Protein backbone atom coordinates (compact mmCIF):
# COMPACT_ATOMS: atom_id res chain seq x y z
CA MET A 1 107.64 122.14 102.44
CA ILE A 2 109.33 125.28 101.12
CA LEU A 3 110.03 125.97 97.45
CA ALA A 4 113.15 128.16 97.17
CA ILE A 5 113.91 129.92 93.88
CA ASP A 6 117.27 131.63 93.31
CA ILE A 7 117.19 133.66 90.09
CA GLY A 8 120.67 134.68 88.94
CA ASN A 9 121.83 136.46 85.81
CA THR A 10 122.96 133.22 84.16
CA HIS A 11 121.18 130.41 86.00
CA THR A 12 118.08 129.89 88.12
CA VAL A 13 118.34 127.30 90.89
CA ILE A 14 115.19 125.71 92.27
CA GLY A 15 115.26 123.84 95.58
CA ILE A 16 112.64 122.13 97.74
CA TYR A 17 113.01 121.80 101.51
CA ASP A 18 111.20 119.56 103.95
CA LYS A 19 111.85 121.55 107.11
CA HIS A 20 115.67 121.93 107.14
CA LYS A 21 116.36 119.10 104.69
CA LEU A 22 117.02 119.95 101.03
CA LEU A 23 115.16 117.22 99.11
CA GLY A 24 116.46 118.27 95.71
CA ASP A 25 117.79 121.18 93.69
CA TRP A 26 117.83 121.87 89.98
CA ARG A 27 119.60 124.41 87.78
CA VAL A 28 118.14 125.93 84.61
CA THR A 29 119.13 128.81 82.35
CA SER A 30 117.73 132.22 83.31
CA PHE A 31 115.96 132.98 80.03
CA VAL A 32 114.23 136.33 80.51
CA THR A 33 111.57 135.23 78.02
CA ARG A 34 110.32 132.37 80.25
CA THR A 35 106.67 132.63 81.21
CA GLU A 36 104.99 131.71 84.49
CA ASP A 37 103.56 128.64 82.74
CA GLU A 38 107.04 127.49 81.70
CA PHE A 39 108.34 127.93 85.25
CA GLY A 40 105.28 126.12 86.59
CA SER A 41 105.89 123.22 84.20
CA LEU A 42 109.54 123.03 85.23
CA VAL A 43 108.70 122.90 88.93
CA ARG A 44 106.03 120.26 88.33
CA HIS A 45 108.47 118.18 86.26
CA PHE A 46 111.21 118.37 88.91
CA CYS A 47 108.77 117.44 91.67
CA GLU A 48 107.38 114.48 89.73
CA ASN A 49 110.87 113.12 89.03
CA ALA A 50 111.81 113.47 92.71
CA LYS A 51 108.43 112.05 93.81
CA ILE A 52 107.63 115.22 95.78
CA PRO A 53 103.87 115.97 95.99
CA LEU A 54 103.17 119.50 94.78
CA LYS A 55 100.34 119.88 97.29
CA LYS A 56 102.84 119.62 100.16
CA ILE A 57 104.54 122.88 99.15
CA SER A 58 103.14 125.44 101.58
CA SER A 59 105.62 128.32 101.22
CA ILE A 60 107.67 129.88 98.45
CA GLY A 61 110.70 132.16 98.72
CA ILE A 62 112.29 134.02 95.83
CA SER A 63 115.75 135.56 95.63
CA SER A 64 116.24 137.36 92.34
CA VAL A 65 118.63 139.75 90.62
CA VAL A 66 116.55 139.73 87.40
CA PRO A 67 113.45 141.93 87.94
CA ASN A 68 111.51 140.58 84.95
CA LEU A 69 111.88 137.01 86.16
CA THR A 70 110.95 138.04 89.71
CA ASP A 71 107.52 139.08 88.44
CA VAL A 72 107.21 135.88 86.40
CA CYS A 73 107.95 133.68 89.42
CA VAL A 74 105.57 135.64 91.63
CA LYS A 75 102.81 135.03 89.08
CA MET A 76 103.80 131.36 88.81
CA SER A 77 103.54 130.99 92.60
CA GLN A 78 100.10 132.58 92.64
CA LYS A 79 98.76 130.64 89.63
CA TYR A 80 100.15 127.16 90.29
CA PHE A 81 100.33 127.08 94.09
CA MET A 82 97.88 129.78 95.18
CA ILE A 83 100.70 131.07 97.40
CA GLU A 84 101.90 134.65 97.84
CA PRO A 85 105.69 134.21 97.78
CA ILE A 86 108.17 135.98 100.01
CA VAL A 87 110.53 138.00 97.83
CA VAL A 88 113.86 138.58 99.54
CA SER A 89 115.01 142.18 99.94
CA ALA A 90 116.52 144.44 102.57
CA ARG A 91 113.00 145.68 103.35
CA ILE A 92 111.96 142.52 105.17
CA ASP A 93 113.16 141.21 108.53
CA LEU A 94 116.33 139.26 107.68
CA GLY A 95 117.69 138.80 111.17
CA ILE A 96 120.81 140.81 110.31
CA LYS A 97 121.45 144.55 110.04
CA VAL A 98 122.29 145.81 106.55
CA LEU A 99 124.85 148.63 106.87
CA TYR A 100 124.98 149.50 103.18
CA ASP A 101 124.56 153.09 101.97
CA ASP A 102 121.47 151.98 100.04
CA PRO A 103 120.24 148.66 101.48
CA ASP A 104 117.78 148.24 98.59
CA SER A 105 120.67 148.02 96.15
CA VAL A 106 122.17 144.89 97.73
CA GLY A 107 121.48 141.83 95.59
CA ALA A 108 119.00 139.42 97.16
CA ASP A 109 121.43 136.53 96.67
CA ARG A 110 124.07 138.39 98.66
CA LEU A 111 121.60 138.95 101.51
CA CYS A 112 120.67 135.25 101.49
CA ASN A 113 124.35 134.29 101.62
CA ALA A 114 124.92 136.61 104.56
CA VAL A 115 121.89 135.34 106.49
CA ALA A 116 122.69 131.66 105.98
CA GLY A 117 126.41 132.14 106.58
CA PHE A 118 125.83 133.92 109.90
CA VAL A 119 123.30 131.35 111.10
CA LYS A 120 125.69 128.51 110.30
CA TYR A 121 129.02 129.99 111.41
CA LYS A 122 128.40 133.31 113.22
CA GLY A 123 130.88 136.07 112.39
CA PRO A 124 133.04 137.58 111.21
CA LEU A 125 132.55 136.12 107.74
CA VAL A 126 133.66 136.62 104.19
CA ILE A 127 131.39 134.81 101.76
CA VAL A 128 132.84 134.42 98.28
CA ASP A 129 130.21 133.61 95.67
CA PHE A 130 131.74 132.42 92.39
CA GLY A 131 129.01 133.16 89.86
CA THR A 132 128.54 135.45 86.83
CA ALA A 133 130.21 137.98 89.11
CA THR A 134 132.50 136.99 91.96
CA THR A 135 131.13 138.70 95.05
CA PHE A 136 132.64 139.07 98.51
CA ASP A 137 130.11 139.68 101.28
CA VAL A 138 131.36 140.70 104.72
CA VAL A 139 129.45 140.05 107.94
CA SER A 140 130.69 141.32 111.31
CA LYS A 141 130.88 139.27 114.48
CA ASN A 142 127.70 141.06 115.60
CA GLY A 143 125.70 139.96 112.55
CA GLU A 144 125.96 143.19 110.59
CA TYR A 145 126.15 143.08 106.81
CA LEU A 146 129.03 145.51 106.26
CA GLY A 147 129.21 145.46 102.46
CA GLY A 148 131.62 143.79 100.12
CA VAL A 149 133.36 143.59 96.78
CA ILE A 150 132.12 142.80 93.26
CA THR A 151 134.35 141.71 90.40
CA ALA A 152 133.94 139.84 87.12
CA GLY A 153 133.43 136.09 87.49
CA VAL A 154 135.74 133.55 85.86
CA GLU A 155 133.18 132.62 83.19
CA THR A 156 132.54 136.29 82.44
CA SER A 157 136.28 136.96 82.12
CA ALA A 158 136.76 133.98 79.79
CA GLY A 159 133.80 135.02 77.64
CA GLU A 160 135.00 138.61 77.31
CA LEU A 161 138.52 137.47 76.40
CA HIS A 162 137.13 135.24 73.65
CA ARG A 163 134.75 137.95 72.42
CA ARG A 164 137.32 140.72 72.25
CA ALA A 165 140.29 138.76 70.88
CA ALA A 166 139.52 137.10 67.55
CA LYS A 167 142.16 134.36 67.84
CA LEU A 168 141.43 133.33 71.41
CA PRO A 169 139.04 130.34 71.62
CA LYS A 170 136.31 129.41 74.04
CA ILE A 171 137.81 127.18 76.71
CA ASP A 172 136.80 124.70 79.38
CA LEU A 173 137.28 126.36 82.75
CA LYS A 174 139.55 123.99 84.64
CA PHE A 175 142.92 124.45 86.27
CA PRO A 176 145.76 123.27 84.01
CA ASP A 177 148.54 121.06 85.35
CA HIS A 178 151.08 123.87 85.05
CA VAL A 179 151.00 127.64 85.34
CA ILE A 180 153.18 127.99 82.26
CA GLY A 181 150.87 126.98 79.43
CA LYS A 182 152.25 125.00 76.49
CA ASN A 183 149.40 126.04 74.19
CA THR A 184 146.79 128.77 73.91
CA VAL A 185 144.09 126.89 75.81
CA GLU A 186 146.39 126.06 78.75
CA SER A 187 147.71 129.63 78.76
CA MET A 188 144.18 131.03 78.95
CA GLN A 189 143.15 128.54 81.65
CA ALA A 190 146.17 129.43 83.74
CA GLY A 191 145.71 133.15 83.24
CA ILE A 192 142.01 133.25 84.02
CA LEU A 193 141.83 130.74 86.87
CA TYR A 194 145.09 131.37 88.72
CA SER A 195 144.52 135.12 88.42
CA ALA A 196 141.03 134.68 89.89
CA LEU A 197 142.40 132.48 92.67
CA ASP A 198 145.24 134.85 93.57
CA SER A 199 142.93 137.85 93.37
CA MET A 200 140.42 136.17 95.68
CA GLU A 201 143.04 135.27 98.28
CA THR A 202 144.55 138.74 98.19
CA MET A 203 141.11 140.32 98.56
CA VAL A 204 140.36 138.15 101.60
CA ARG A 205 143.61 139.30 103.20
CA ARG A 206 142.75 142.94 102.49
CA ILE A 207 139.27 142.50 103.99
CA SER A 208 140.74 140.75 107.04
CA LYS A 209 143.12 143.65 107.58
CA GLU A 210 140.25 146.14 107.41
CA LEU A 211 138.19 144.04 109.82
CA ASP A 212 141.20 143.72 112.14
CA ASP A 213 140.14 140.11 112.54
CA TYR A 214 140.49 136.92 110.53
CA PRO A 215 137.07 135.78 109.30
CA THR A 216 135.65 132.41 108.38
CA VAL A 217 135.79 132.28 104.58
CA ILE A 218 132.89 130.51 102.89
CA ALA A 219 132.88 129.55 99.21
CA THR A 220 129.63 129.16 97.28
CA GLY A 221 128.40 129.48 93.71
CA GLY A 222 128.99 127.60 90.50
CA PHE A 223 132.81 127.57 90.53
CA SER A 224 133.25 127.34 94.30
CA GLU A 225 134.13 123.64 94.49
CA MET A 226 136.91 124.05 91.94
CA MET A 227 138.31 127.10 93.73
CA LYS A 228 138.04 125.48 97.17
CA LYS A 229 140.31 122.64 96.08
CA GLN A 230 143.02 125.14 95.08
CA SER A 231 142.72 127.69 97.89
CA LYS A 232 144.38 127.83 101.29
CA VAL A 233 142.14 130.59 102.65
CA ILE A 234 138.69 129.02 102.10
CA ASN A 235 137.50 127.37 105.33
CA LYS A 236 134.00 126.25 104.40
CA PHE A 237 132.25 125.04 101.25
CA GLU A 238 128.49 125.66 101.03
CA PRO A 239 127.19 125.03 97.48
CA THR A 240 123.53 125.72 98.36
CA LEU A 241 124.03 128.75 100.61
CA VAL A 242 121.60 131.03 98.75
CA LEU A 243 118.86 128.39 98.84
CA ASP A 244 119.54 127.83 102.55
CA GLY A 245 119.26 131.58 103.11
CA ILE A 246 115.93 131.72 101.28
CA ARG A 247 114.58 128.94 103.49
CA MET A 248 115.77 130.63 106.68
CA ILE A 249 114.29 133.98 105.67
CA VAL A 250 110.93 132.42 104.73
CA GLU A 251 110.80 130.61 108.08
CA ARG A 252 111.67 133.81 109.95
CA VAL A 253 109.07 135.95 108.16
CA GLU A 254 106.33 133.35 108.53
CA LYS A 255 107.08 132.85 112.23
CA LYS A 256 106.89 136.61 112.77
CA ASN A 257 103.62 136.85 110.81
CA SER A 258 102.06 133.98 112.77
CA LYS A 259 102.86 135.75 116.06
CA LYS A 260 101.14 138.91 114.81
CA LYS A 261 97.95 136.94 114.07
CA ARG A 262 97.73 135.59 117.63
C-alpha cells in the first residue's frame, strides 16, 4: 500500500492506495506548527477508522508546497513507518519533461497534476486546480509540462475582500440564483464566483489559442466540483488528481530503483 500526502497552503490531504485503488482520503488543516508525532497520530487514527493495517503501508509519497511541513512529514515517515519517503520535485524522474525556466520552482502539486492528467488523458491538457490559488497547468500532446498560470483562488479573493472592506461580511462560497444580487451576500457571491468562472473560461480559450489546439480541460481541487457544474469548458472532473499523481510517481521511482538493484 502507498501512503500519499499532499501538503497545500491551506489543507493537507492524506490518501492510502492499495495498488491503483484509493481506499480512503482525509483532509486536515495545514498547521505549520504540527509535529511529526501529531501527523503520525492522525495517520494512525485514519487507518484505524478505515480498518487499514498500518503495517501494510510499504511506500510513502509527499507532495508539498510548505517546506516546514515537508520536513515534518519526512520525519513522521521515518519514525512511524521506518520508510524513506519519496518527495516529489522536478529533480526526480516524473515521466514528463518540465519545460519551465526553473523546474525547481514548479509546485509539487502542479507536477503531480500534470503527471496524473497525462497518464489518464494524454495531451494536450489544461489542468485547473481550484485551491488557495487557482492554477492552470498546461501539458503538450507529447507529454511536456509547458508552464501555466497562477491567480488568486476564490476563497482567497473572498477573504481579502472581507479583510480590506470593513462592511463586507464573510460569506459562504456558493453560486447565487441570480447574477444581480438583491443583498450584499448575494452580490459578493455573484461577483467572486461568476468572475472566477468567466476568468477561468477566458483563460482556457487564451491557452488554447496559444497551443493552436483545443485541450482536454481537467478540474481538480477544493472548489472544482462547484465550478464544473457551472462551466461549459471543463471536460473532466478529477477530485483526487494530486494524490493519484503522487501514487504514479512513487510507483515509477520504485520500479526504476528496483531495476537498478538487479
